Protein backbone atom coordinates (compact mmCIF):
# COMPACT_ATOMS: atom_id res chain seq x y z
CA UNK A 1 44.34 -65.36 -150.55
CA UNK A 2 41.40 -67.56 -151.13
CA UNK A 3 41.91 -71.15 -149.84
CA UNK A 4 38.77 -72.93 -151.18
CA UNK A 5 35.84 -72.48 -153.35
CA UNK A 6 33.73 -72.15 -150.23
CA UNK A 7 35.98 -69.27 -149.03
CA UNK A 8 35.65 -67.51 -152.35
CA UNK A 9 31.80 -68.12 -152.35
CA UNK A 10 31.61 -66.76 -148.76
CA UNK A 11 33.45 -63.57 -149.81
CA UNK A 12 30.92 -62.99 -152.70
CA UNK A 13 28.00 -63.77 -150.31
CA UNK A 14 29.51 -61.23 -147.89
CA UNK A 15 29.92 -58.63 -150.60
CA UNK A 16 26.42 -59.23 -151.98
CA UNK A 17 23.15 -57.30 -151.15
CA UNK A 18 21.67 -60.45 -149.61
CA UNK A 19 20.65 -60.19 -145.93
CA UNK A 20 20.17 -62.98 -143.40
CA UNK A 21 16.65 -61.82 -142.74
CA UNK A 22 15.74 -62.58 -146.32
CA UNK A 23 16.34 -66.32 -145.68
CA UNK A 24 17.59 -66.59 -149.27
CA UNK A 25 17.16 -69.97 -151.14
CA UNK A 26 20.23 -71.70 -152.60
CA UNK A 27 19.18 -70.51 -156.04
CA UNK A 28 19.06 -66.93 -154.80
CA UNK A 29 22.36 -67.33 -153.16
CA UNK A 30 23.99 -68.62 -156.39
CA UNK A 31 22.45 -65.78 -158.36
CA UNK A 32 23.77 -63.22 -155.90
CA UNK A 33 27.18 -64.83 -155.89
CA UNK A 34 27.21 -64.71 -159.79
CA UNK A 35 26.03 -61.12 -159.75
CA UNK A 36 28.45 -59.98 -157.21
CA UNK A 37 31.48 -61.52 -158.81
CA UNK A 38 30.39 -60.13 -162.13
CA UNK A 39 30.10 -56.61 -160.84
CA UNK A 40 33.04 -56.52 -158.38
CA UNK A 41 35.36 -59.29 -159.69
CA UNK A 42 37.21 -61.55 -157.28
CA UNK A 43 39.45 -58.83 -155.88
CA UNK A 44 36.45 -56.61 -155.52
CA UNK A 45 34.76 -59.04 -153.20
CA UNK A 46 37.82 -59.34 -151.08
CA UNK A 47 38.27 -55.44 -151.04
CA UNK A 48 34.70 -55.09 -149.74
CA UNK A 49 35.25 -57.67 -147.06
CA UNK A 50 38.42 -55.92 -145.88
CA UNK A 51 36.76 -52.45 -145.93
CA UNK A 52 33.82 -53.73 -143.88
CA UNK A 53 36.16 -55.22 -141.26
CA UNK A 54 37.87 -51.85 -140.99
CA UNK A 55 34.62 -49.99 -140.70
CA UNK A 56 32.86 -52.08 -138.14
CA UNK A 57 34.63 -55.18 -136.95
CA UNK A 58 31.73 -56.64 -134.93
CA UNK A 59 29.04 -56.25 -137.60
CA UNK A 60 31.53 -57.53 -140.28
CA UNK A 61 32.36 -60.60 -138.13
CA UNK A 62 28.71 -61.48 -137.74
CA UNK A 63 27.98 -60.98 -141.39
CA UNK A 64 31.09 -63.17 -142.35
CA UNK A 65 29.87 -65.96 -140.02
CA UNK A 66 26.48 -65.90 -141.84
CA UNK A 67 28.20 -65.76 -145.26
CA UNK A 68 30.50 -68.78 -144.39
CA UNK A 69 27.56 -70.89 -143.15
CA UNK A 70 25.48 -69.99 -146.19
CA UNK A 71 28.36 -70.64 -148.64
CA UNK A 72 29.06 -73.94 -146.72
CA UNK A 73 25.49 -75.16 -147.11
CA UNK A 74 25.61 -74.83 -150.90
CA UNK A 75 26.50 -77.84 -153.00
CA UNK A 76 26.66 -78.28 -156.79
CA UNK A 77 23.31 -80.03 -156.44
CA UNK A 78 21.72 -76.69 -155.39
CA UNK A 79 22.52 -75.09 -158.60
CA UNK A 80 19.82 -77.09 -160.30
CA UNK A 81 17.39 -76.58 -157.48
């Protein structure tokens, strides 16, 4: 169960095609979140997250830390940026 908007956003960032090496801008992150949720739905993001943890826990944990940091850095102000 998703606890906060940041948790939901982090799941969508995790499930997106974005990579940390891309150093995405806030606008790129928002676009990726929108695209990912549109394609997968909210349950699809959670399903992708769960599958990744089952496939490779270490890699998934590293990606989730990045996704949470990236989602946490977003604010409503960054939508207009």
